[in-house]
Amino acid sequence: MSDGFPPPPTRADRWGGALATRWPGLMRRLARLETASVRDDIADVAIDRPVYVCGMARSGSTVLLEMLAGAPGFVSLRYSDYPCHWLPYWWNALRARLPRAAPARIERAHRDRLAVGPDSPEAFEENWWQAFFPHRHDESVDQTLGADAASAPFAAFYRDQLRKLLAVRGGRRYLCKGNYHLARIECLLALFPDARFVVPVRAPRAQVASLCKQDRWFVRWSRHDARVGAHLARLGHYEFGPEKRVQHCGDAAAAAAIRDAWNGGDTAFGYALQWREIYGAFVRRLEADERLRRACLVVSYEALCTAPEREIRRIAAHAGLDAPAADALASDWTGRLSLPDYYTDDADAAQRARIEAVTGDVAASLARYVELTVTGR
C-alpha cells in the first residue's frame, strides 16, 4: 500500500474492463462464439435452483455470498474471472492448465475485515445486464425489471453463460451476489422458477453509517488515484464513491430527492432516502406476489451476527442444502460472525432521528417479514 491506499487496479483489469465497457456488442458476439464452440459440452447442463443474494450494499451480502460459496456444488463468478467473465468456459479451461501459486488472501479494498483472493466469489454480472438493458443506472429511469424482461435474446445469453460456468467448473448450482438484482427478482424468477433469493436487511442507521464510511473512503482513494472511480464504474458498482448514482425504484420524485440530498452534501440523509426506496419497493412487491414471498428469505444482518447458528440454518434450508451441508456451514461460520467494531456511527441525535423518521415504516414492514420467515408462518 502507498499512503494507506491499496494497490490500484491492475493494468489487465483496467484495459480488459475498458474493452468490455466500450464495446459490449463485441463481447456479446465473442460470448456467442464461445457458446457455439462448446455447445456439446454444455448440452446436458441443467441450471438447478440457482441462489441469488441481493440486498442494498453494506447489508451483509458479501458475507452471505462467501458463506454459501463454501457449500458443496455451488459455482459463482470469482475475482479471477474479471475481466474474462464474458468468456467463462475458455478462460477457466485455460486457467486450470496454467501454473499458479497458492492464492493469497488480503483484506479487500473496502477495509471491512473481509479477506479475499483470486478464488473468492464476487459480483461481476452487472456488465451483462448493462449490455442488454439500456439505461441501467440512469437515475431518471425506473430500474425495476419484471417478468417481461426475461425474453430473448437476453434469456438465451444468460442461461448459456451460467451453463458454461457450471460445465467448466464441474458445479451443479449457480450462486450469485447482485445488489441491483433486488429490483430484478421477478425477471430472474421468470428465467428460473426454482430460484431462491436471500435478501439481507440491515438496521437503517447502521447501514447508512456503513455506506457513508465507504463513500468517504472511496472518494478519498479516488482523489489519490483517479483510476479507482473509473474502475468502479466499469464493474457496474455505483453504490458509493465518486460515481455513486441513485437507484430509481419507480418513484421519480423520490429519486430526485436522493440526488438533491447528495448534491447538497447531506450524504447520510440521501442514503436513508435510498434505503427507504429500495426496501420499500421490495416490500410492496412482496405484498402483491405470493410466489415472490415463497422465493425470498429476508435475513436480518443483526440477527445473523448475534444468533448466527439459527440464521445460518434458516439460510441453508431456504437454499435447499442437505443436513450435512447445513451442519458444515453452521460449524464453520458460527464463530466467525460478529457486529462490526471497527467504526462508529458519527451521526448526532438530530441526524439519527431524521433517519429513523424516514425509514421507520419500511423497517417495521421488513421486520414483519423477518419474523414470518423465522417462525415459518
Protein backbone atom coordinates (compact mmCIF):
# COMPACT_ATOMS: atom_id res chain seq x y z
CA MET A 1 0.00 0.00 0.00
CA SER A 2 1.02 3.60 -0.59
CA ASP A 3 -0.01 6.25 1.97
CA GLY A 4 -2.51 3.76 3.33
CA PHE A 5 -4.13 3.13 -0.05
CA PRO A 6 -4.45 -0.33 -1.62
CA PRO A 7 -2.67 -1.04 -4.91
CA PRO A 8 -4.52 0.37 -7.94
CA PRO A 9 -6.48 -1.93 -10.27
CA THR A 10 -4.11 -3.98 -12.41
CA ARG A 11 -3.41 -2.99 -15.99
CA ALA A 12 -5.18 -6.13 -17.24
CA ASP A 13 -8.28 -5.26 -15.22
CA ARG A 14 -8.27 -1.67 -16.49
CA TRP A 15 -7.67 -2.47 -20.15
CA GLY A 16 -9.84 -5.56 -20.27
CA GLY A 17 -12.62 -3.83 -18.37
CA ALA A 18 -12.41 -0.79 -20.64
CA LEU A 19 -12.67 -3.01 -23.72
CA ALA A 20 -15.81 -4.72 -22.40
CA THR A 21 -17.36 -1.42 -21.33
CA ARG A 22 -16.75 0.40 -24.60
CA TRP A 23 -17.68 -2.47 -26.91
CA PRO A 24 -20.35 -4.60 -25.21
CA GLY A 25 -21.61 -5.68 -28.64
CA LEU A 26 -18.22 -7.20 -29.37
CA MET A 27 -18.25 -9.03 -26.04
CA ARG A 28 -21.72 -10.41 -26.78
CA ARG A 29 -20.51 -11.73 -30.13
CA LEU A 30 -17.46 -13.32 -28.54
CA ALA A 31 -19.65 -14.91 -25.88
CA ARG A 32 -21.91 -16.37 -28.58
CA LEU A 33 -18.86 -17.70 -30.40
CA GLU A 34 -17.67 -19.38 -27.21
CA THR A 35 -21.12 -20.87 -26.67
CA ALA A 36 -21.19 -22.27 -30.19
CA SER A 37 -17.74 -23.81 -29.73
CA VAL A 38 -18.70 -25.67 -26.54
CA ARG A 39 -22.32 -26.48 -27.40
CA ASP A 40 -21.79 -30.22 -26.98
CA ASP A 41 -20.09 -29.73 -23.59
CA ILE A 42 -22.98 -27.76 -22.15
CA ALA A 43 -25.85 -29.56 -23.90
CA ASP A 44 -26.83 -31.58 -20.82
CA VAL A 45 -26.04 -28.96 -18.18
CA ALA A 46 -29.10 -28.03 -16.12
CA ILE A 47 -29.37 -24.84 -14.08
CA ASP A 48 -30.74 -26.26 -10.85
CA ARG A 49 -32.20 -23.99 -8.15
CA PRO A 50 -29.85 -21.01 -8.55
CA VAL A 51 -29.41 -18.89 -5.43
CA TYR A 52 -29.22 -15.11 -5.53
CA VAL A 53 -28.05 -12.92 -2.65
CA CYS A 54 -29.46 -9.48 -3.23
CA GLY A 55 -29.80 -6.57 -0.85
CA MET A 56 -28.67 -2.98 -0.62
CA ALA A 57 -24.89 -2.56 -0.44
CA ARG A 58 -23.43 -2.91 3.06
CA SER A 59 -26.24 -5.18 4.25
CA GLY A 60 -24.10 -8.31 4.66
CA SER A 61 -24.46 -9.65 1.13
CA THR A 62 -20.76 -10.42 0.70
CA VAL A 63 -20.63 -12.46 3.92
CA LEU A 64 -23.63 -14.47 2.74
CA LEU A 65 -22.02 -14.99 -0.66
CA GLU A 66 -18.78 -16.23 0.92
CA MET A 67 -20.71 -18.50 3.26
CA LEU A 68 -22.83 -20.18 0.61
CA ALA A 69 -19.92 -20.43 -1.83
CA GLY A 70 -18.39 -22.95 0.57
CA ALA A 71 -21.36 -25.31 0.28
CA PRO A 72 -20.95 -28.35 -1.99
CA GLY A 73 -21.87 -27.94 -5.63
CA PHE A 74 -22.13 -24.16 -5.80
CA VAL A 75 -20.35 -22.21 -8.53
CA SER A 76 -20.08 -18.43 -8.74
CA LEU A 77 -18.06 -15.84 -10.58
CA ARG A 78 -14.70 -15.13 -8.91
CA TYR A 79 -12.24 -12.28 -8.70
CA SER A 80 -10.01 -14.22 -11.09
CA ASP A 81 -12.76 -14.22 -13.73
CA TYR A 82 -12.64 -10.46 -14.30
CA PRO A 83 -12.38 -9.14 -16.98
CA CYS A 84 -12.79 -12.52 -18.75
CA HIS A 85 -16.20 -13.27 -17.25
CA TRP A 86 -17.77 -12.81 -20.69
CA LEU A 87 -15.91 -15.97 -21.76
CA PRO A 88 -16.15 -18.19 -18.67
CA TYR A 89 -15.55 -21.53 -20.37
CA TRP A 90 -12.45 -20.62 -22.35
CA TRP A 91 -10.96 -18.59 -19.52
CA ASN A 92 -11.47 -21.17 -16.79
CA ALA A 93 -10.31 -24.01 -19.02
CA LEU A 94 -7.14 -22.06 -19.77
CA ARG A 95 -6.60 -21.02 -16.17
CA ALA A 96 -6.90 -24.62 -14.97
CA ARG A 97 -3.92 -25.52 -17.20
CA LEU A 98 -1.68 -22.64 -16.13
CA PRO A 99 0.80 -23.00 -13.27
CA ARG A 100 -0.40 -20.93 -10.34
CA ALA A 101 0.90 -20.10 -6.91
CA ALA A 102 -1.32 -20.74 -3.92
CA PRO A 103 -3.86 -17.91 -3.87
CA ALA A 104 -3.13 -15.31 -1.20
CA ARG A 105 -5.96 -13.62 0.67
CA ILE A 106 -5.81 -10.00 1.77
CA GLU A 107 -8.33 -7.60 3.23
CA ARG A 108 -10.42 -6.24 0.39
CA ALA A 109 -10.31 -2.61 -0.68
CA HIS A 110 -13.37 -1.75 1.43
CA ARG A 111 -11.27 -2.23 4.59
CA ASP A 112 -14.11 -4.09 6.30
CA ARG A 113 -12.36 -7.19 7.73
CA LEU A 114 -13.23 -9.42 4.75
CA ALA A 115 -10.19 -11.14 3.25
CA VAL A 116 -10.39 -12.14 -0.41
CA GLY A 117 -8.21 -13.79 -3.03
CA PRO A 118 -8.36 -14.76 -6.71
CA ASP A 119 -10.69 -17.66 -6.00
CA SER A 120 -13.08 -15.66 -3.83
CA PRO A 121 -16.63 -15.24 -5.19
CA GLU A 122 -17.58 -11.76 -6.36
CA ALA A 123 -20.35 -9.85 -8.17
CA PHE A 124 -19.48 -9.39 -11.85
CA GLU A 125 -22.81 -9.98 -13.57
CA GLU A 126 -23.72 -6.32 -13.86
CA ASN A 127 -21.84 -5.86 -17.15
CA TRP A 128 -24.08 -8.48 -18.75
CA TRP A 129 -27.27 -6.73 -17.68
CA GLN A 130 -25.96 -3.33 -18.77
CA ALA A 131 -25.18 -4.71 -22.23
CA PHE A 132 -28.76 -5.90 -22.82
CA PHE A 133 -30.90 -3.42 -20.94
CA PRO A 134 -30.37 0.24 -21.89
CA HIS A 135 -30.06 2.94 -19.26
CA ARG A 136 -29.06 0.72 -16.40
CA HIS A 137 -28.05 3.13 -13.63
CA ASP A 138 -29.67 6.09 -15.35
CA GLU A 139 -31.15 7.97 -12.40
CA SER A 140 -34.15 9.10 -14.45
CA VAL A 141 -35.20 5.53 -15.39
CA ASP A 142 -37.06 3.06 -13.19
CA GLN A 143 -34.60 0.22 -12.63
CA THR A 144 -37.21 -2.46 -11.90
CA LEU A 145 -37.17 -5.37 -14.35
CA GLY A 146 -40.22 -7.61 -14.32
CA ALA A 147 -41.02 -10.98 -15.84
CA ASP A 148 -41.42 -9.43 -19.29
CA ALA A 149 -37.69 -8.63 -19.33
CA ALA A 150 -36.87 -12.36 -19.31
CA SER A 151 -37.11 -12.64 -23.07
CA ALA A 152 -34.78 -13.38 -25.97
CA PRO A 153 -32.03 -12.55 -26.68
CA PHE A 154 -31.06 -11.92 -23.04
CA ALA A 155 -32.63 -15.12 -21.71
CA ALA A 156 -30.68 -17.35 -24.09
CA PHE A 157 -27.44 -15.47 -23.47
CA TYR A 158 -27.79 -15.51 -19.70
CA ARG A 159 -28.67 -19.19 -19.46
CA ASP A 160 -25.72 -20.07 -21.69
CA GLN A 161 -23.31 -18.02 -19.58
CA LEU A 162 -24.37 -19.90 -16.44
CA ARG A 163 -24.29 -23.29 -18.14
CA LYS A 164 -20.76 -22.66 -19.41
CA LEU A 165 -19.58 -21.69 -15.94
CA LEU A 166 -21.21 -24.75 -14.36
CA ALA A 167 -19.76 -27.05 -17.01
CA VAL A 168 -16.18 -25.82 -16.89
CA ARG A 169 -16.10 -25.78 -13.07
CA GLY A 170 -17.97 -29.04 -12.59
CA GLY A 171 -20.65 -27.40 -10.47
CA ARG A 172 -24.31 -28.25 -10.01
CA ARG A 173 -25.81 -24.96 -8.83
CA TYR A 174 -25.18 -21.30 -9.60
CA LEU A 175 -24.68 -18.77 -6.81
CA CYS A 176 -24.70 -15.03 -7.40
CA LYS A 177 -24.47 -11.83 -5.40
CA GLY A 178 -26.07 -8.85 -7.07
CA ASN A 179 -27.16 -5.82 -5.08
CA TYR A 180 -29.13 -4.49 -8.04
CA HIS A 181 -30.87 -7.83 -8.51
CA LEU A 182 -33.30 -6.89 -5.74
CA ALA A 183 -35.15 -4.92 -8.43
CA ARG A 184 -34.96 -7.87 -10.85
CA ILE A 185 -36.26 -10.80 -8.82
CA GLU A 186 -39.40 -11.19 -10.96
CA CYS A 187 -37.23 -11.29 -14.08
CA LEU A 188 -34.97 -13.94 -12.55
CA LEU A 189 -37.95 -15.98 -11.37
CA ALA A 190 -39.32 -15.95 -14.90
CA LEU A 191 -35.97 -17.31 -16.09
CA PHE A 192 -35.61 -19.84 -13.25
CA PRO A 193 -38.89 -20.69 -11.48
CA ASP A 194 -36.99 -22.72 -8.85
CA ALA A 195 -34.56 -19.89 -7.98
CA ARG A 196 -34.16 -18.86 -4.36
CA PHE A 197 -33.33 -15.38 -3.08
CA VAL A 198 -31.63 -14.45 0.18
CA VAL A 199 -32.31 -10.79 0.97
CA PRO A 200 -30.15 -9.29 3.73
CA VAL A 201 -31.54 -6.27 5.56
CA ARG A 202 -29.61 -4.10 7.97
CA ALA A 203 -30.93 -1.64 10.54
CA PRO A 204 -31.18 1.69 8.67
CA ARG A 205 -28.97 3.77 10.96
CA ALA A 206 -26.21 1.17 10.90
CA GLN A 207 -26.48 0.72 7.14
CA VAL A 208 -26.39 4.45 6.49
CA ALA A 209 -23.31 4.78 8.72
CA SER A 210 -21.57 1.97 6.83
CA LEU A 211 -22.47 3.44 3.43
CA CYS A 212 -21.21 6.87 4.48
CA LYS A 213 -17.95 5.32 5.68
CA GLN A 214 -17.45 3.55 2.36
CA ASP A 215 -18.42 6.63 0.38
CA ARG A 216 -15.86 8.79 2.21
CA TRP A 217 -13.18 6.15 1.79
CA PHE A 218 -13.67 5.59 -1.94
CA VAL A 219 -13.94 9.32 -2.64
CA ARG A 220 -10.69 9.88 -0.77
CA TRP A 221 -8.99 6.99 -2.56
CA SER A 222 -10.17 8.21 -5.97
CA ARG A 223 -8.69 11.64 -5.26
CA HIS A 224 -5.40 9.88 -4.68
CA ASP A 225 -5.82 7.74 -7.82
CA ALA A 226 -8.40 8.77 -10.43
CA ARG A 227 -8.40 5.23 -11.87
CA VAL A 228 -10.38 3.96 -8.89
CA GLY A 229 -13.64 5.70 -9.76
CA ALA A 230 -13.38 4.64 -13.39
CA HIS A 231 -12.77 1.05 -12.33
CA LEU A 232 -15.84 1.01 -10.09
CA ALA A 233 -17.93 2.32 -12.99
CA ARG A 234 -16.57 -0.38 -15.31
CA LEU A 235 -17.64 -3.00 -12.78
CA GLY A 236 -21.12 -1.51 -12.57
CA HIS A 237 -20.71 -0.60 -8.87
CA TYR A 238 -22.36 2.76 -8.27
CA GLU A 239 -23.41 2.34 -4.65
CA PHE A 240 -20.79 4.69 -3.18
CA GLY A 241 -17.73 6.68 -4.15
CA PRO A 242 -17.23 9.42 -6.73
CA GLU A 243 -19.51 7.78 -9.30
CA LYS A 244 -22.39 6.93 -6.97
CA ARG A 245 -25.81 7.01 -8.56
CA VAL A 246 -29.36 6.94 -7.29
CA GLN A 247 -31.22 3.67 -7.73
CA HIS A 248 -34.59 4.70 -9.16
CA CYS A 249 -37.22 2.31 -7.77
CA GLY A 250 -40.28 3.61 -9.57
CA ASP A 251 -40.78 6.95 -7.79
CA ALA A 252 -39.19 9.77 -9.81
CA ALA A 253 -39.74 12.36 -7.07
CA ALA A 254 -38.03 10.14 -4.50
CA ALA A 255 -35.08 9.56 -6.85
CA ALA A 256 -34.74 13.32 -7.35
CA ALA A 257 -34.83 13.89 -3.58
CA ILE A 258 -31.96 11.46 -3.07
CA ARG A 259 -29.89 13.22 -5.72
CA ASP A 260 -30.68 16.61 -4.19
CA ALA A 261 -29.53 15.39 -0.77
CA TRP A 262 -26.26 14.06 -2.16
CA ASN A 263 -25.62 17.17 -4.24
CA GLY A 264 -26.28 19.29 -1.15
CA GLY A 265 -23.70 17.39 0.88
CA ASP A 266 -26.26 15.58 3.06
CA THR A 267 -24.90 12.15 2.23
CA ALA A 268 -26.39 10.34 5.22
CA PHE A 269 -29.91 11.63 4.58
CA GLY A 270 -29.59 10.72 0.89
CA TYR A 271 -28.66 7.17 1.83
CA ALA A 272 -31.58 6.99 4.28
CA LEU A 273 -33.94 8.02 1.48
CA GLN A 274 -32.31 5.44 -0.80
CA TRP A 275 -32.74 2.72 1.86
CA ARG A 276 -36.42 3.59 2.10
CA GLU A 277 -36.91 3.49 -1.66
CA ILE A 278 -35.05 0.23 -2.30
CA TYR A 279 -36.62 -1.76 0.51
CA GLY A 280 -39.99 -0.01 0.31
CA ALA A 281 -40.34 -1.03 -3.33
CA PHE A 282 -39.31 -4.58 -2.40
CA VAL A 283 -41.93 -4.79 0.38
CA ARG A 284 -44.68 -3.57 -1.93
CA ARG A 285 -43.79 -6.27 -4.44
CA LEU A 286 -43.68 -8.93 -1.71
CA GLU A 287 -47.13 -7.93 -0.52
CA ALA A 288 -48.53 -8.23 -4.03
CA ASP A 289 -46.99 -11.57 -5.04
CA GLU A 290 -47.25 -14.80 -3.06
CA ARG A 291 -44.82 -16.56 -5.39
CA LEU A 292 -42.24 -13.89 -4.69
CA ARG A 293 -42.75 -14.28 -0.95
CA ARG A 294 -42.09 -18.03 -1.17
CA ALA A 295 -38.92 -17.48 -3.18
CA CYS A 296 -37.41 -14.87 -0.84
CA LEU A 297 -35.87 -15.24 2.59
CA VAL A 298 -35.43 -11.91 4.39
CA VAL A 299 -32.41 -12.06 6.72
CA SER A 300 -31.61 -9.54 9.43
CA TYR A 301 -27.92 -8.68 9.38
CA GLU A 302 -28.00 -8.01 13.12
CA ALA A 303 -29.63 -11.40 13.78
CA LEU A 304 -27.04 -13.12 11.58
CA CYS A 305 -24.27 -11.61 13.71
CA THR A 306 -25.89 -12.20 17.12
CA ALA A 307 -27.67 -15.54 16.54
CA PRO A 308 -25.53 -16.97 13.75
CA GLU A 309 -26.28 -20.68 14.06
CA ARG A 310 -30.04 -20.19 13.89
CA GLU A 311 -29.77 -17.82 10.92
CA ILE A 312 -27.28 -19.99 9.05
CA ARG A 313 -29.58 -22.99 9.34
CA ARG A 314 -32.53 -20.93 8.08
CA ILE A 315 -30.48 -19.78 5.10
CA ALA A 316 -29.26 -23.30 4.38
CA ALA A 317 -32.81 -24.66 4.47
CA HIS A 318 -34.09 -21.95 2.13
CA ALA A 319 -31.20 -22.59 -0.26
CA GLY A 320 -32.07 -26.29 -0.33
CA LEU A 321 -28.91 -27.61 1.31
CA ASP A 322 -28.98 -31.06 2.86
CA ALA A 323 -28.38 -31.65 6.57
CA PRO A 324 -24.61 -32.40 6.34
CA ALA A 325 -24.01 -29.24 4.29
CA ALA A 326 -26.07 -27.16 6.73
CA ASP A 327 -24.16 -28.64 9.68
CA ALA A 328 -20.83 -27.82 8.00
CA LEU A 329 -21.84 -24.22 7.31
CA ALA A 330 -23.03 -23.72 10.86
CA SER A 331 -19.84 -25.23 12.27
CA ASP A 332 -17.58 -23.18 10.00
CA TRP A 333 -19.28 -19.79 10.31
CA THR A 334 -20.93 -19.54 13.72
CA GLY A 335 -17.76 -18.37 15.45
CA ARG A 336 -16.73 -16.02 12.64
CA LEU A 337 -19.68 -13.62 12.63
CA SER A 338 -19.95 -10.51 14.78
CA LEU A 339 -21.24 -6.97 14.56
CA PRO A 340 -18.59 -4.55 13.22
CA ASP A 341 -16.49 -2.78 15.83
CA TYR A 342 -14.00 -1.03 13.55
CA TYR A 343 -16.01 2.17 13.06
CA THR A 344 -18.72 4.14 14.84
CA ASP A 345 -21.89 5.92 13.81
CA ASP A 346 -20.87 9.58 13.94
CA ALA A 347 -24.38 10.95 13.33
CA ASP A 348 -25.73 13.28 16.02
CA ALA A 349 -29.10 12.88 17.72
CA ALA A 350 -30.92 15.05 15.19
CA GLN A 351 -29.47 13.13 12.24
CA ARG A 352 -30.39 9.81 13.81
CA ALA A 353 -33.94 10.98 14.42
CA ARG A 354 -34.21 12.08 10.78
CA ILE A 355 -33.02 8.70 9.54
CA GLU A 356 -35.45 6.85 11.77
CA ALA A 357 -38.34 9.10 10.73
CA VAL A 358 -37.66 8.45 7.04
CA THR A 359 -37.10 4.70 7.30
CA GLY A 360 -39.29 3.65 10.24
CA ASP A 361 -42.38 2.43 8.40
CA VAL A 362 -40.43 0.37 5.87
CA ALA A 363 -38.21 -1.04 8.63
CA ALA A 364 -41.31 -2.16 10.53
CA SER A 365 -42.69 -3.89 7.42
CA LEU A 366 -39.41 -5.66 6.80
CA ALA A 367 -39.25 -6.75 10.43
CA ARG A 368 -42.60 -8.47 9.98
CA TYR A 369 -41.24 -10.43 7.02
CA VAL A 370 -38.15 -11.41 9.01
CA GLU A 371 -40.41 -12.64 11.82
CA LEU A 372 -42.61 -14.58 9.42
CA THR A 373 -39.64 -16.42 7.96
CA VAL A 374 -38.13 -17.06 11.41
CA THR A 375 -41.32 -18.64 12.72
CA GLY A 376 -42.17 -20.35 9.46
CA ARG A 377 -45.60 -18.72 9.22
